Amino acid sequence: HNIYDIRQIKSEYILLFDLDGTLVDTDLANNSVYRYAIREVMGEEYLALNKVKRITRTILQDAIPVSQEQLDRIIDIKRRCFHFNLNMTSLMETFFLLKKHYNHNDCYIVTSAEQCRADEIINYYNFRKYVKDIIYVNDENKYNNITSKLNKDSDKIILFEDNEIAIQSAIENGICCEHIIDISKSNLKTFTIQVNEFLSQKTLAFHKLYYIGYNKPGNPDFI
């Protein structure tokens, strides 16, 4: 589905929003703080990580020679320093659907991110203003018993999610495919053009890809 397929959402529907990759693009911030932590612990850069869209603990272990002690130190530094990189995150177009519907529908954020990091993002963007509650999930089966938690029939739930495994979890827990909006297929991001000699007010703009540098891994070289 494209998120614009839903023209009108009736008030009896509950809207569920994933956080990372759905409401907020955190890839740049995540990768930057990971690289900082790796340099602090390992003392060098690892080029293998430049090819990764989003560095995770599992990918890090597979890509570089790291001991459990070093990994624990890297994760600890990342946890403590992530908030310094919040200005590298950006709202995604899904947020504007949340903003449009929160006065008419019960909206929830469902996140499997570590709670302290999730709260840093949520507070930074003042998301609590727009949602009835935040659901923090530790279970690998992200949407396990979601209908019981919300006390709502599954056919009255609309989910916005970008992760294939999480989408499968939602389907296994009764949310019908037609009500699951796969954000990975329409992931525009936002940025703000500040007031300058040509603009008298801040302007919201959208983009799909980052220009990292010609011929660098992941760069859209057609630009």
C-alpha atoms as a PDB file:
ATOM      1  CA  HIS A   1       0.000   0.000   0.000  1.00  0.00           C
ATOM      2  CA  ASN A   2       0.938   3.641  -0.468  1.00  0.00           C
ATOM      3  CA  ILE A   3      -0.116   5.713   2.540  1.00  0.00           C
ATOM      4  CA  TYR A   4      -2.142   7.969   0.280  1.00  0.00           C
ATOM      5  CA  ASP A   5      -4.407   5.012  -0.594  1.00  0.00           C
ATOM      6  CA  ILE A   6      -6.258   5.771   2.656  1.00  0.00           C
ATOM      7  CA  ARG A   7      -8.310   8.831   1.801  1.00  0.00           C
ATOM      8  CA  GLN A   8     -10.593   8.802   4.794  1.00  0.00           C
ATOM      9  CA  ILE A   9     -10.199   6.936   8.060  1.00  0.00           C
ATOM     10  CA  LYS A  10     -13.356   6.561  10.135  1.00  0.00           C
ATOM     11  CA  SER A  11     -13.220   7.598  13.784  1.00  0.00           C
ATOM     12  CA  GLU A  12     -13.808   4.063  15.111  1.00  0.00           C
ATOM     13  CA  TYR A  13     -10.423   2.928  13.803  1.00  0.00           C
ATOM     14  CA  ILE A  14      -7.357   2.790  16.040  1.00  0.00           C
ATOM     15  CA  LEU A  15      -4.146   3.882  14.329  1.00  0.00           C
ATOM     16  CA  LEU A  16      -0.860   2.236  15.301  1.00  0.00           C
ATOM     17  CA  PHE A  17       2.447   3.826  14.331  1.00  0.00           C
ATOM     18  CA  ASP A  18       5.876   2.257  14.517  1.00  0.00           C
ATOM     19  CA  LEU A  19       8.586   4.766  15.529  1.00  0.00           C
ATOM     20  CA  ASP A  20      11.949   4.209  13.774  1.00  0.00           C
ATOM     21  CA  GLY A  21      11.603   4.211  10.010  1.00  0.00           C
ATOM     22  CA  THR A  22       7.897   5.056  10.139  1.00  0.00           C
ATOM     23  CA  LEU A  23       7.458   8.329  12.024  1.00  0.00           C
ATOM     24  CA  VAL A  24      11.133   9.289  12.190  1.00  0.00           C
ATOM     25  CA  ASP A  25      14.135   8.497  10.038  1.00  0.00           C
ATOM     26  CA  THR A  26      16.925   7.734  12.508  1.00  0.00           C
ATOM     27  CA  ASP A  27      19.406   5.960  10.216  1.00  0.00           C
ATOM     28  CA  LEU A  28      21.929   8.817   9.974  1.00  0.00           C
ATOM     29  CA  ALA A  29      21.845   9.471  13.721  1.00  0.00           C
ATOM     30  CA  ASN A  30      22.099   5.774  14.544  1.00  0.00           C
ATOM     31  CA  ASN A  31      25.038   5.154  12.208  1.00  0.00           C
ATOM     32  CA  SER A  32      26.880   8.289  13.276  1.00  0.00           C
ATOM     33  CA  VAL A  33      26.743   7.462  16.976  1.00  0.00           C
ATOM     34  CA  TYR A  34      27.679   3.837  16.282  1.00  0.00           C
ATOM     35  CA  ARG A  35      30.774   4.966  14.351  1.00  0.00           C
ATOM     36  CA  TYR A  36      31.735   7.338  17.149  1.00  0.00           C
ATOM     37  CA  ALA A  37      31.390   4.557  19.733  1.00  0.00           C
ATOM     38  CA  ILE A  38      33.406   2.144  17.595  1.00  0.00           C
ATOM     39  CA  ARG A  39      36.246   4.671  17.231  1.00  0.00           C
ATOM     40  CA  GLU A  40      36.218   5.271  20.981  1.00  0.00           C
ATOM     41  CA  VAL A  41      36.470   1.556  21.751  1.00  0.00           C
ATOM     42  CA  MET A  42      38.376   0.153  18.777  1.00  0.00           C
ATOM     43  CA  GLY A  43      40.415   3.197  17.815  1.00  0.00           C
ATOM     44  CA  GLU A  44      39.655   3.039  14.101  1.00  0.00           C
ATOM     45  CA  GLU A  45      37.027   3.178  11.358  1.00  0.00           C
ATOM     46  CA  TYR A  46      35.759   0.036   9.647  1.00  0.00           C
ATOM     47  CA  LEU A  47      34.956   0.582   5.982  1.00  0.00           C
ATOM     48  CA  ALA A  48      32.758  -2.524   5.842  1.00  0.00           C
ATOM     49  CA  LEU A  49      30.137  -0.589   7.812  1.00  0.00           C
ATOM     50  CA  ASN A  50      29.913   2.091   5.108  1.00  0.00           C
ATOM     51  CA  LYS A  51      27.914  -0.330   2.967  1.00  0.00           C
ATOM     52  CA  VAL A  52      25.273  -0.838   5.649  1.00  0.00           C
ATOM     53  CA  LYS A  53      22.038   1.156   5.501  1.00  0.00           C
ATOM     54  CA  ARG A  54      21.508   0.865   9.257  1.00  0.00           C
ATOM     55  CA  ILE A  55      24.136  -0.439  11.683  1.00  0.00           C
ATOM     56  CA  THR A  56      22.774  -2.834  14.292  1.00  0.00           C
ATOM     57  CA  ARG A  57      24.393  -4.871  17.026  1.00  0.00           C
ATOM     58  CA  THR A  58      24.126  -8.042  14.921  1.00  0.00           C
ATOM     59  CA  ILE A  59      25.556  -6.399  11.801  1.00  0.00           C
ATOM     60  CA  LEU A  60      28.399  -4.904  13.830  1.00  0.00           C
ATOM     61  CA  GLN A  61      29.363  -8.332  15.213  1.00  0.00           C
ATOM     62  CA  ASP A  62      29.322  -9.845  11.739  1.00  0.00           C
ATOM     63  CA  ALA A  63      31.273  -7.010  10.090  1.00  0.00           C
ATOM     64  CA  ILE A  64      34.166  -6.365  12.477  1.00  0.00           C
ATOM     65  CA  PRO A  65      36.268  -8.394  14.934  1.00  0.00           C
ATOM     66  CA  VAL A  66      34.743  -7.352  18.249  1.00  0.00           C
ATOM     67  CA  SER A  67      34.813  -9.103  21.624  1.00  0.00           C
ATOM     68  CA  GLN A  68      31.774  -9.231  23.903  1.00  0.00           C
ATOM     69  CA  GLU A  69      33.437  -6.724  26.261  1.00  0.00           C
ATOM     70  CA  GLN A  70      34.128  -4.316  23.402  1.00  0.00           C
ATOM     71  CA  LEU A  71      30.587  -4.747  22.097  1.00  0.00           C
ATOM     72  CA  ASP A  72      29.143  -3.971  25.528  1.00  0.00           C
ATOM     73  CA  ARG A  73      31.232  -0.780  25.717  1.00  0.00           C
ATOM     74  CA  ILE A  74      30.167   0.276  22.217  1.00  0.00           C
ATOM     75  CA  ILE A  75      26.494  -0.246  23.052  1.00  0.00           C
ATOM     76  CA  ASP A  76      26.884   1.675  26.326  1.00  0.00           C
ATOM     77  CA  ILE A  77      28.494   4.660  24.564  1.00  0.00           C
ATOM     78  CA  LYS A  78      25.811   4.575  21.877  1.00  0.00           C
ATOM     79  CA  ARG A  79      23.105   4.559  24.539  1.00  0.00           C
ATOM     80  CA  ARG A  80      24.625   7.506  26.402  1.00  0.00           C
ATOM     81  CA  CYS A  81      25.431   9.602  23.332  1.00  0.00           C
ATOM     82  CA  PHE A  82      22.471   9.067  21.020  1.00  0.00           C
ATOM     83  CA  HIS A  83      20.677  12.203  22.217  1.00  0.00           C
ATOM     84  CA  PHE A  84      23.534  14.351  20.875  1.00  0.00           C
ATOM     85  CA  ASN A  85      22.571  13.188  17.368  1.00  0.00           C
ATOM     86  CA  LEU A  86      18.839  13.868  17.525  1.00  0.00           C
ATOM     87  CA  ASN A  87      19.307  16.828  15.182  1.00  0.00           C
ATOM     88  CA  MET A  88      20.370  14.278  12.547  1.00  0.00           C
ATOM     89  CA  THR A  89      16.949  12.609  12.665  1.00  0.00           C
ATOM     90  CA  SER A  90      14.048  13.772  10.487  1.00  0.00           C
ATOM     91  CA  LEU A  91      10.280  13.412  10.444  1.00  0.00           C
ATOM     92  CA  MET A  92       8.787  11.197   7.770  1.00  0.00           C
ATOM     93  CA  GLU A  93       5.599  11.831   5.819  1.00  0.00           C
ATOM     94  CA  THR A  94       3.690   9.366   8.030  1.00  0.00           C
ATOM     95  CA  PHE A  95       3.908  11.886  10.874  1.00  0.00           C
ATOM     96  CA  PHE A  96       1.611  14.217   8.952  1.00  0.00           C
ATOM     97  CA  LEU A  97      -1.025  11.482   8.784  1.00  0.00           C
ATOM     98  CA  LEU A  98      -0.742  11.127  12.568  1.00  0.00           C
ATOM     99  CA  LYS A  99      -1.054  14.895  12.934  1.00  0.00           C
ATOM    100  CA  LYS A 100      -4.084  14.906  10.652  1.00  0.00           C
ATOM    101  CA  HIS A 101      -5.970  12.119  12.438  1.00  0.00           C
ATOM    102  CA  TYR A 102      -5.046  12.324  16.127  1.00  0.00           C
ATOM    103  CA  ASN A 103      -8.044  14.521  16.968  1.00  0.00           C
ATOM    104  CA  HIS A 104     -10.462  12.019  15.398  1.00  0.00           C
ATOM    105  CA  ASN A 105      -8.837   8.625  16.073  1.00  0.00           C
ATOM    106  CA  ASP A 106      -7.147   6.950  19.009  1.00  0.00           C
ATOM    107  CA  CYS A 107      -3.486   6.803  17.968  1.00  0.00           C
ATOM    108  CA  TYR A 108      -0.682   4.789  19.539  1.00  0.00           C
ATOM    109  CA  ILE A 109       3.046   4.444  19.007  1.00  0.00           C
ATOM    110  CA  VAL A 110       4.268   0.836  19.179  1.00  0.00           C
ATOM    111  CA  THR A 111       8.037   0.533  19.398  1.00  0.00           C
ATOM    112  CA  SER A 112      10.518  -2.256  20.021  1.00  0.00           C
ATOM    113  CA  ALA A 113      13.362   0.255  20.426  1.00  0.00           C
ATOM    114  CA  GLU A 114      15.126   0.458  23.774  1.00  0.00           C
ATOM    115  CA  GLN A 115      12.839   2.584  25.920  1.00  0.00           C
ATOM    116  CA  CYS A 116      15.363   5.260  26.902  1.00  0.00           C
ATOM    117  CA  ARG A 117      16.280   5.876  23.242  1.00  0.00           C
ATOM    118  CA  ALA A 118      12.637   5.764  22.149  1.00  0.00           C
ATOM    119  CA  ASP A 119      11.760   8.323  24.827  1.00  0.00           C
ATOM    120  CA  GLU A 120      14.542  10.637  23.646  1.00  0.00           C
ATOM    121  CA  ILE A 121      13.029  10.640  20.144  1.00  0.00           C
ATOM    122  CA  ILE A 122       9.447  10.903  21.420  1.00  0.00           C
ATOM    123  CA  ASN A 123      10.295  13.844  23.672  1.00  0.00           C
ATOM    124  CA  TYR A 124      12.366  15.576  20.985  1.00  0.00           C
ATOM    125  CA  TYR A 125       9.388  15.624  18.611  1.00  0.00           C
ATOM    126  CA  ASN A 126       6.708  15.990  21.306  1.00  0.00           C
ATOM    127  CA  PHE A 127       4.901  12.902  19.992  1.00  0.00           C
ATOM    128  CA  ARG A 128       2.932  12.424  23.222  1.00  0.00           C
ATOM    129  CA  LYS A 129       0.789  15.356  22.147  1.00  0.00           C
ATOM    130  CA  TYR A 130      -0.547  13.255  19.280  1.00  0.00           C
ATOM    131  CA  VAL A 131      -0.976   9.771  20.770  1.00  0.00           C
ATOM    132  CA  LYS A 132      -3.124   8.195  23.427  1.00  0.00           C
ATOM    133  CA  ASP A 133      -0.276   6.026  24.675  1.00  0.00           C
ATOM    134  CA  ILE A 134       3.155   4.575  23.895  1.00  0.00           C
ATOM    135  CA  ILE A 135       3.398   0.779  23.780  1.00  0.00           C
ATOM    136  CA  TYR A 136       6.939  -0.457  24.474  1.00  0.00           C
ATOM    137  CA  VAL A 137       7.575  -4.000  23.253  1.00  0.00           C
ATOM    138  CA  ASN A 138      10.407  -6.344  24.243  1.00  0.00           C
ATOM    139  CA  ASP A 139       8.937  -9.446  22.618  1.00  0.00           C
ATOM    140  CA  GLU A 140      10.411 -10.451  19.232  1.00  0.00           C
ATOM    141  CA  ASN A 141       6.793 -11.039  18.215  1.00  0.00           C
ATOM    142  CA  LYS A 142       6.177  -7.285  18.205  1.00  0.00           C
ATOM    143  CA  TYR A 143       2.388  -7.330  17.861  1.00  0.00           C
ATOM    144  CA  ASN A 144       1.738 -10.302  20.123  1.00  0.00           C
ATOM    145  CA  ASN A 145      -1.734  -9.995  21.729  1.00  0.00           C
ATOM    146  CA  ILE A 146      -2.074  -6.468  20.340  1.00  0.00           C
ATOM    147  CA  THR A 147      -5.887  -6.699  20.145  1.00  0.00           C
ATOM    148  CA  SER A 148      -6.061  -7.621  23.848  1.00  0.00           C
ATOM    149  CA  LYS A 149      -3.759  -4.754  24.809  1.00  0.00           C
ATOM    150  CA  LEU A 150      -5.960  -2.287  22.944  1.00  0.00           C
ATOM    151  CA  ASN A 151      -9.294  -4.008  23.680  1.00  0.00           C
ATOM    152  CA  LYS A 152     -10.198  -3.536  20.041  1.00  0.00           C
ATOM    153  CA  ASP A 153     -11.184  -5.925  17.255  1.00  0.00           C
ATOM    154  CA  SER A 154      -8.349  -6.482  14.788  1.00  0.00           C
ATOM    155  CA  ASP A 155     -10.498  -5.297  11.880  1.00  0.00           C
ATOM    156  CA  LYS A 156     -10.644  -1.854  13.535  1.00  0.00           C
ATOM    157  CA  ILE A 157      -6.861  -1.443  13.643  1.00  0.00           C
ATOM    158  CA  ILE A 158      -4.779   0.285  10.981  1.00  0.00           C
ATOM    159  CA  LEU A 159      -1.029  -0.174  11.276  1.00  0.00           C
ATOM    160  CA  PHE A 160       1.788   1.913   9.818  1.00  0.00           C
ATOM    161  CA  GLU A 161       5.023  -0.116   9.859  1.00  0.00           C
ATOM    162  CA  ASP A 162       8.244  -0.379   7.845  1.00  0.00           C
ATOM    163  CA  ASN A 163       9.740  -3.662   9.064  1.00  0.00           C
ATOM    164  CA  GLU A 164       8.935  -6.892   7.224  1.00  0.00           C
ATOM    165  CA  ILE A 165       9.286  -9.104  10.312  1.00  0.00           C
ATOM    166  CA  ALA A 166       7.070  -6.769  12.362  1.00  0.00           C
ATOM    167  CA  ILE A 167       4.475  -6.740   9.570  1.00  0.00           C
ATOM    168  CA  GLN A 168       4.447 -10.551   9.611  1.00  0.00           C
ATOM    169  CA  SER A 169       3.970 -10.404  13.398  1.00  0.00           C
ATOM    170  CA  ALA A 170       0.977  -8.112  12.910  1.00  0.00           C
ATOM    171  CA  ILE A 171      -0.582 -10.487  10.366  1.00  0.00           C
ATOM    172  CA  GLU A 172      -0.033 -13.482  12.661  1.00  0.00           C
ATOM    173  CA  ASN A 173      -1.798 -11.558  15.423  1.00  0.00           C
ATOM    174  CA  GLY A 174      -4.928 -10.885  13.409  1.00  0.00           C
ATOM    175  CA  ILE A 175      -4.379  -7.517  11.719  1.00  0.00           C
ATOM    176  CA  CYS A 176      -5.573  -7.941   8.152  1.00  0.00           C
ATOM    177  CA  CYS A 177      -3.149  -7.195   5.328  1.00  0.00           C
ATOM    178  CA  GLU A 178      -5.444  -4.527   3.890  1.00  0.00           C
ATOM    179  CA  HIS A 179      -5.029  -2.504   7.098  1.00  0.00           C
ATOM    180  CA  ILE A 180      -1.225  -2.653   7.176  1.00  0.00           C
ATOM    181  CA  ILE A 181       0.535   0.238   5.449  1.00  0.00           C
ATOM    182  CA  ASP A 182       4.103  -0.709   4.522  1.00  0.00           C
ATOM    183  CA  ILE A 183       6.007   2.547   4.940  1.00  0.00           C
ATOM    184  CA  SER A 184       9.187   1.099   3.422  1.00  0.00           C
ATOM    185  CA  LYS A 185       7.486   1.466   0.031  1.00  0.00           C
ATOM    186  CA  SER A 186       6.830   5.172   0.498  1.00  0.00           C
ATOM    187  CA  ASN A 187       9.462   6.575   2.849  1.00  0.00           C
ATOM    188  CA  LEU A 188       9.788  10.261   2.091  1.00  0.00           C
ATOM    189  CA  LYS A 189      11.693  12.167   4.752  1.00  0.00           C
ATOM    190  CA  THR A 190      11.438  15.812   5.726  1.00  0.00           C
ATOM    191  CA  PHE A 191      13.797  18.687   6.350  1.00  0.00           C
ATOM    192  CA  THR A 192      13.309  22.371   7.063  1.00  0.00           C
ATOM    193  CA  ILE A 193      14.715  25.106   4.869  1.00  0.00           C
ATOM    194  CA  GLN A 194      15.509  27.943   7.243  1.00  0.00           C
ATOM    195  CA  VAL A 195      14.734  31.613   6.666  1.00  0.00           C
ATOM    196  CA  ASN A 196      17.313  33.077   4.308  1.00  0.00           C
ATOM    197  CA  GLU A 197      17.760  35.881   1.797  1.00  0.00           C
ATOM    198  CA  PHE A 198      15.193  34.226  -0.489  1.00  0.00           C
ATOM    199  CA  LEU A 199      12.659  32.899   2.079  1.00  0.00           C
ATOM    200  CA  SER A 200      10.808  34.985   4.672  1.00  0.00           C
ATOM    201  CA  GLN A 201       9.585  31.936   6.622  1.00  0.00           C
ATOM    202  CA  LYS A 202      10.743  28.399   7.360  1.00  0.00           C
ATOM    203  CA  THR A 203       9.669  25.914   4.690  1.00  0.00           C
ATOM    204  CA  LEU A 204       9.035  22.192   5.087  1.00  0.00           C
ATOM    205  CA  ALA A 205      10.532  20.097   2.284  1.00  0.00           C
ATOM    206  CA  PHE A 206      10.596  16.370   1.468  1.00  0.00           C
ATOM    207  CA  HIS A 207      13.326  14.107   0.159  1.00  0.00           C
ATOM    208  CA  LYS A 208      13.724  10.427  -0.605  1.00  0.00           C
ATOM    209  CA  LEU A 209      17.521   9.871  -0.652  1.00  0.00           C
ATOM    210  CA  TYR A 210      20.613  11.325   0.999  1.00  0.00           C
ATOM    211  CA  TYR A 211      23.456  12.686  -1.119  1.00  0.00           C
ATOM    212  CA  ILE A 212      26.487  11.220   0.658  1.00  0.00           C
ATOM    213  CA  GLY A 213      29.103  11.899  -1.998  1.00  0.00           C
ATOM    214  CA  TYR A 214      29.672  10.683  -5.527  1.00  0.00           C
ATOM    215  CA  ASN A 215      30.853   7.064  -5.808  1.00  0.00           C
ATOM    216  CA  LYS A 216      30.479   6.451  -2.077  1.00  0.00           C
ATOM    217  CA  PRO A 217      28.574   3.359  -0.877  1.00  0.00           C
ATOM    218  CA  GLY A 218      24.832   3.974  -0.814  1.00  0.00           C
ATOM    219  CA  ASN A 219      25.007   7.284  -2.656  1.00  0.00           C
ATOM    220  CA  PRO A 220      22.445   7.933  -5.432  1.00  0.00           C
ATOM    221  CA  ASP A 221      25.057   8.546  -8.150  1.00  0.00           C
ATOM    222  CA  PHE A 222      22.465   9.681 -10.672  1.00  0.00           C
ATOM    223  CA  ILE A 223      22.427  13.002  -8.748  1.00  0.00           C
END
